[in-house]
Amino acid sequence: MNTLSRREEDTIIKSTKERALKECGPIVREFADCASGRTVSVVWACRGKYRTLQTCMHK
């Protein structure tokens, strides 16, 4: 049984996040633009963009 060291695990997580942000960059920007200047209303005003962002990041 092979297990990853904590350092290897951290490296994989970091690279995966970087790749997801790169590939989902335009979607992240759309959500950020929608959320900009909002507080509580971001929940319903940007719901669709947030779901799209989650789907992209999950891939």
PDB file of N, CA and C in Angstrom:
ATOM      1  N   MET A   1       0.847  -1.173   0.000  1.00  0.00           N
ATOM      2  CA  MET A   1       0.000   0.000   0.000  1.00  0.00           C
ATOM      3  C   MET A   1       0.894   1.238   0.000  1.00  0.00           C
ATOM      4  N   ASN A   2       0.690   2.104  -0.976  1.00  0.00           N
ATOM      5  CA  ASN A   2       1.446   3.347  -1.058  1.00  0.00           C
ATOM      6  C   ASN A   2       0.620   4.483  -0.492  1.00  0.00           C
ATOM      7  N   THR A   3       1.255   5.268   0.307  1.00  0.00           N
ATOM      8  CA  THR A   3       0.585   6.460   0.826  1.00  0.00           C
ATOM      9  C   THR A   3       1.452   7.663   0.517  1.00  0.00           C
ATOM     10  N   LEU A   4       0.817   8.799   0.441  1.00  0.00           N
ATOM     11  CA  LEU A   4       1.535  10.034   0.167  1.00  0.00           C
ATOM     12  C   LEU A   4       1.982  10.671   1.468  1.00  0.00           C
ATOM     13  N   SER A   5       3.122  11.297   1.410  1.00  0.00           N
ATOM     14  CA  SER A   5       3.557  12.070   2.571  1.00  0.00           C
ATOM     15  C   SER A   5       2.732  13.355   2.614  1.00  0.00           C
ATOM     16  N   ARG A   6       2.755  14.009   3.713  1.00  0.00           N
ATOM     17  CA  ARG A   6       1.997  15.257   3.857  1.00  0.00           C
ATOM     18  C   ARG A   6       2.480  16.289   2.836  1.00  0.00           C
ATOM     19  N   ARG A   7       3.779  16.317   2.608  1.00  0.00           N
ATOM     20  CA  ARG A   7       4.346  17.263   1.640  1.00  0.00           C
ATOM     21  C   ARG A   7       3.850  16.958   0.224  1.00  0.00           C
ATOM     22  N   GLU A   8       3.837  15.689  -0.150  1.00  0.00           N
ATOM     23  CA  GLU A   8       3.338  15.293  -1.473  1.00  0.00           C
ATOM     24  C   GLU A   8       1.860  15.647  -1.618  1.00  0.00           C
ATOM     25  N   GLU A   9       1.117  15.388  -0.573  1.00  0.00           N
ATOM     26  CA  GLU A   9      -0.311  15.703  -0.563  1.00  0.00           C
ATOM     27  C   GLU A   9      -0.525  17.200  -0.768  1.00  0.00           C
ATOM     28  N   ASP A  10       0.208  18.018  -0.033  1.00  0.00           N
ATOM     29  CA  ASP A  10       0.102  19.475  -0.158  1.00  0.00           C
ATOM     30  C   ASP A  10       0.467  19.946  -1.562  1.00  0.00           C
ATOM     31  N   THR A  11       1.489  19.349  -2.145  1.00  0.00           N
ATOM     32  CA  THR A  11       1.917  19.707  -3.493  1.00  0.00           C
ATOM     33  C   THR A  11       0.825  19.389  -4.515  1.00  0.00           C
ATOM     34  N   ILE A  12       0.212  18.232  -4.384  1.00  0.00           N
ATOM     35  CA  ILE A  12      -0.858  17.834  -5.306  1.00  0.00           C
ATOM     36  C   ILE A  12      -2.060  18.766  -5.162  1.00  0.00           C
ATOM     37  N   ILE A  13      -2.427  19.069  -3.944  1.00  0.00           N
ATOM     38  CA  ILE A  13      -3.567  19.962  -3.707  1.00  0.00           C
ATOM     39  C   ILE A  13      -3.289  21.337  -4.297  1.00  0.00           C
ATOM     40  N   LYS A  14      -2.088  21.857  -4.071  1.00  0.00           N
ATOM     41  CA  LYS A  14      -1.726  23.180  -4.578  1.00  0.00           C
ATOM     42  C   LYS A  14      -1.766  23.210  -6.106  1.00  0.00           C
ATOM     43  N   SER A  15      -1.186  22.208  -6.745  1.00  0.00           N
ATOM     44  CA  SER A  15      -1.159  22.186  -8.210  1.00  0.00           C
ATOM     45  C   SER A  15      -2.557  22.001  -8.793  1.00  0.00           C
ATOM     46  N   THR A  16      -3.387  21.224  -8.123  1.00  0.00           N
ATOM     47  CA  THR A  16      -4.759  21.035  -8.585  1.00  0.00           C
ATOM     48  C   THR A  16      -5.544  22.330  -8.495  1.00  0.00           C
ATOM     49  N   LYS A  17      -5.383  23.056  -7.409  1.00  0.00           N
ATOM     50  CA  LYS A  17      -6.069  24.352  -7.254  1.00  0.00           C
ATOM     51  C   LYS A  17      -5.605  25.344  -8.308  1.00  0.00           C
ATOM     52  N   GLU A  18      -4.300  25.388  -8.551  1.00  0.00           N
ATOM     53  CA  GLU A  18      -3.762  26.300  -9.564  1.00  0.00           C
ATOM     54  C   GLU A  18      -4.323  25.988 -10.943  1.00  0.00           C
ATOM     55  N   ARG A  19      -4.381  24.713 -11.264  1.00  0.00           N
ATOM     56  CA  ARG A  19      -4.906  24.290 -12.570  1.00  0.00           C
ATOM     57  C   ARG A  19      -6.395  24.638 -12.699  1.00  0.00           C
ATOM     58  N   ALA A  20      -7.148  24.398 -11.639  1.00  0.00           N
ATOM     59  CA  ALA A  20      -8.581  24.704 -11.659  1.00  0.00           C
ATOM     60  C   ALA A  20      -8.805  26.204 -11.824  1.00  0.00           C
ATOM     61  N   LEU A  21      -8.042  27.013 -11.109  1.00  0.00           N
ATOM     62  CA  LEU A  21      -8.203  28.463 -11.230  1.00  0.00           C
ATOM     63  C   LEU A  21      -7.820  28.951 -12.619  1.00  0.00           C
ATOM     64  N   LYS A  22      -6.810  28.335 -13.209  1.00  0.00           N
ATOM     65  CA  LYS A  22      -6.391  28.723 -14.557  1.00  0.00           C
ATOM     66  C   LYS A  22      -7.478  28.375 -15.568  1.00  0.00           C
ATOM     67  N   GLU A  23      -7.988  27.166 -15.485  1.00  0.00           N
ATOM     68  CA  GLU A  23      -9.000  26.711 -16.437  1.00  0.00           C
ATOM     69  C   GLU A  23     -10.345  27.393 -16.220  1.00  0.00           C
ATOM     70  N   CYS A  24     -10.640  27.786 -14.995  1.00  0.00           N
ATOM     71  CA  CYS A  24     -11.933  28.399 -14.665  1.00  0.00           C
ATOM     72  C   CYS A  24     -11.827  29.913 -14.506  1.00  0.00           C
ATOM     73  N   GLY A  25     -10.709  30.488 -14.910  1.00  0.00           N
ATOM     74  CA  GLY A  25     -10.466  31.917 -14.728  1.00  0.00           C
ATOM     75  C   GLY A  25     -11.592  32.825 -15.178  1.00  0.00           C
ATOM     76  N   PRO A  26     -12.092  32.669 -16.403  1.00  0.00           N
ATOM     77  CA  PRO A  26     -13.177  33.547 -16.851  1.00  0.00           C
ATOM     78  C   PRO A  26     -14.439  33.417 -15.992  1.00  0.00           C
ATOM     79  N   ILE A  27     -14.730  32.217 -15.545  1.00  0.00           N
ATOM     80  CA  ILE A  27     -15.908  31.987 -14.711  1.00  0.00           C
ATOM     81  C   ILE A  27     -15.701  32.607 -13.333  1.00  0.00           C
ATOM     82  N   VAL A  28     -14.482  32.513 -12.806  1.00  0.00           N
ATOM     83  CA  VAL A  28     -14.163  33.146 -11.524  1.00  0.00           C
ATOM     84  C   VAL A  28     -14.360  34.655 -11.638  1.00  0.00           C
ATOM     85  N   ARG A  29     -13.890  35.239 -12.744  1.00  0.00           N
ATOM     86  CA  ARG A  29     -14.039  36.682 -12.945  1.00  0.00           C
ATOM     87  C   ARG A  29     -15.501  37.091 -13.038  1.00  0.00           C
ATOM     88  N   GLU A  30     -16.313  36.296 -13.744  1.00  0.00           N
ATOM     89  CA  GLU A  30     -17.748  36.598 -13.851  1.00  0.00           C
ATOM     90  C   GLU A  30     -18.401  36.609 -12.476  1.00  0.00           C
ATOM     91  N   PHE A  31     -18.088  35.609 -11.674  1.00  0.00           N
ATOM     92  CA  PHE A  31     -18.657  35.551 -10.327  1.00  0.00           C
ATOM     93  C   PHE A  31     -18.159  36.722  -9.492  1.00  0.00           C
ATOM     94  N   ALA A  32     -16.884  37.029  -9.572  1.00  0.00           N
ATOM     95  CA  ALA A  32     -16.317  38.143  -8.806  1.00  0.00           C
ATOM     96  C   ALA A  32     -16.955  39.464  -9.207  1.00  0.00           C
ATOM     97  N   ASP A  33     -17.184  39.658 -10.504  1.00  0.00           N
ATOM     98  CA  ASP A  33     -17.844  40.881 -10.971  1.00  0.00           C
ATOM     99  C   ASP A  33     -19.263  40.970 -10.432  1.00  0.00           C
ATOM    100  N   CYS A  34     -19.952  39.846 -10.433  1.00  0.00           N
ATOM    101  CA  CYS A  34     -21.324  39.817  -9.914  1.00  0.00           C
ATOM    102  C   CYS A  34     -21.342  40.116  -8.419  1.00  0.00           C
ATOM    103  N   ALA A  35     -20.393  39.561  -7.690  1.00  0.00           N
ATOM    104  CA  ALA A  35     -20.361  39.705  -6.231  1.00  0.00           C
ATOM    105  C   ALA A  35     -19.828  41.063  -5.774  1.00  0.00           C
ATOM    106  N   SER A  36     -19.123  41.742  -6.637  1.00  0.00           N
ATOM    107  CA  SER A  36     -18.506  43.009  -6.275  1.00  0.00           C
ATOM    108  C   SER A  36     -19.541  44.030  -5.800  1.00  0.00           C
ATOM    109  N   GLY A  37     -19.309  44.574  -4.627  1.00  0.00           N
ATOM    110  CA  GLY A  37     -20.192  45.596  -4.075  1.00  0.00           C
ATOM    111  C   GLY A  37     -21.435  45.052  -3.408  1.00  0.00           C
ATOM    112  N   ARG A  38     -21.575  43.766  -3.348  1.00  0.00           N
ATOM    113  CA  ARG A  38     -22.754  43.155  -2.722  1.00  0.00           C
ATOM    114  C   ARG A  38     -22.375  42.573  -1.370  1.00  0.00           C
ATOM    115  N   THR A  39     -23.371  42.409  -0.552  1.00  0.00           N
ATOM    116  CA  THR A  39     -23.154  41.709   0.718  1.00  0.00           C
ATOM    117  C   THR A  39     -24.095  40.505   0.735  1.00  0.00           C
ATOM    118  N   VAL A  40     -25.195  40.617   1.394  1.00  0.00           N
ATOM    119  CA  VAL A  40     -26.139  39.506   1.519  1.00  0.00           C
ATOM    120  C   VAL A  40     -26.782  39.154   0.176  1.00  0.00           C
ATOM    121  N   SER A  41     -27.013  40.149  -0.668  1.00  0.00           N
ATOM    122  CA  SER A  41     -27.702  39.901  -1.938  1.00  0.00           C
ATOM    123  C   SER A  41     -26.907  39.020  -2.893  1.00  0.00           C
ATOM    124  N   VAL A  42     -25.626  38.827  -2.638  1.00  0.00           N
ATOM    125  CA  VAL A  42     -24.819  37.972  -3.508  1.00  0.00           C
ATOM    126  C   VAL A  42     -25.387  36.553  -3.547  1.00  0.00           C
ATOM    127  N   VAL A  43     -26.033  36.147  -2.475  1.00  0.00           N
ATOM    128  CA  VAL A  43     -26.573  34.785  -2.382  1.00  0.00           C
ATOM    129  C   VAL A  43     -27.576  34.519  -3.497  1.00  0.00           C
ATOM    130  N   TRP A  44     -28.500  35.407  -3.708  1.00  0.00           N
ATOM    131  CA  TRP A  44     -29.508  35.164  -4.753  1.00  0.00           C
ATOM    132  C   TRP A  44     -29.154  35.822  -6.080  1.00  0.00           C
ATOM    133  N   ALA A  45     -28.428  36.936  -6.062  1.00  0.00           N
ATOM    134  CA  ALA A  45     -28.114  37.634  -7.308  1.00  0.00           C
ATOM    135  C   ALA A  45     -27.098  36.872  -8.162  1.00  0.00           C
ATOM    136  N   CYS A  46     -26.209  36.141  -7.513  1.00  0.00           N
ATOM    137  CA  CYS A  46     -25.122  35.470  -8.235  1.00  0.00           C
ATOM    138  C   CYS A  46     -25.204  33.951  -8.132  1.00  0.00           C
ATOM    139  N   ARG A  47     -26.342  33.441  -7.761  1.00  0.00           N
ATOM    140  CA  ARG A  47     -26.510  31.998  -7.542  1.00  0.00           C
ATOM    141  C   ARG A  47     -26.115  31.174  -8.765  1.00  0.00           C
ATOM    142  N   GLY A  48     -26.576  31.571  -9.932  1.00  0.00           N
ATOM    143  CA  GLY A  48     -26.275  30.825 -11.160  1.00  0.00           C
ATOM    144  C   GLY A  48     -24.788  30.815 -11.481  1.00  0.00           C
ATOM    145  N   LYS A  49     -24.158  31.978 -11.336  1.00  0.00           N
ATOM    146  CA  LYS A  49     -22.733  32.070 -11.601  1.00  0.00           C
ATOM    147  C   LYS A  49     -21.934  31.244 -10.592  1.00  0.00           C
ATOM    148  N   TYR A  50     -22.397  31.216  -9.344  1.00  0.00           N
ATOM    149  CA  TYR A  50     -21.725  30.430  -8.312  1.00  0.00           C
ATOM    150  C   TYR A  50     -21.817  28.936  -8.617  1.00  0.00           C
ATOM    151  N   ARG A  51     -22.972  28.496  -9.065  1.00  0.00           N
ATOM    152  CA  ARG A  51     -23.131  27.073  -9.417  1.00  0.00           C
ATOM    153  C   ARG A  51     -22.241  26.696 -10.590  1.00  0.00           C
ATOM    154  N   THR A  52     -22.175  27.589 -11.575  1.00  0.00           N
ATOM    155  CA  THR A  52     -21.301  27.351 -12.724  1.00  0.00           C
ATOM    156  C   THR A  52     -19.850  27.271 -12.270  1.00  0.00           C
ATOM    157  N   LEU A  53     -19.464  28.156 -11.367  1.00  0.00           N
ATOM    158  CA  LEU A  53     -18.111  28.155 -10.815  1.00  0.00           C
ATOM    159  C   LEU A  53     -17.817  26.861 -10.068  1.00  0.00           C
ATOM    160  N   GLN A  54     -18.744  26.416  -9.253  1.00  0.00           N
ATOM    161  CA  GLN A  54     -18.557  25.163  -8.505  1.00  0.00           C
ATOM    162  C   GLN A  54     -18.377  23.977  -9.459  1.00  0.00           C
ATOM    163  N   THR A  55     -19.197  23.931 -10.490  1.00  0.00           N
ATOM    164  CA  THR A  55     -19.119  22.845 -11.462  1.00  0.00           C
ATOM    165  C   THR A  55     -17.749  22.839 -12.153  1.00  0.00           C
ATOM    166  N   CYS A  56     -17.297  24.006 -12.548  1.00  0.00           N
ATOM    167  CA  CYS A  56     -15.994  24.096 -13.224  1.00  0.00           C
ATOM    168  C   CYS A  56     -14.875  23.674 -12.268  1.00  0.00           C
ATOM    169  N   MET A  57     -14.893  24.160 -11.055  1.00  0.00           N
ATOM    170  CA  MET A  57     -13.837  23.844 -10.097  1.00  0.00           C
ATOM    171  C   MET A  57     -13.854  22.355  -9.727  1.00  0.00           C
ATOM    172  N   HIS A  58     -15.020  21.770  -9.714  1.00  0.00           N
ATOM    173  CA  HIS A  58     -15.128  20.353  -9.373  1.00  0.00           C
ATOM    174  C   HIS A  58     -14.470  19.457 -10.421  1.00  0.00           C
ATOM    175  N   LYS A  59     -14.569  19.875 -11.680  1.00  0.00           N
ATOM    176  CA  LYS A  59     -13.974  19.092 -12.780  1.00  0.00           C
ATOM    177  C   LYS A  59     -12.481  19.070 -12.610  1.00  0.00           C
TER     178      LYS A  59
END
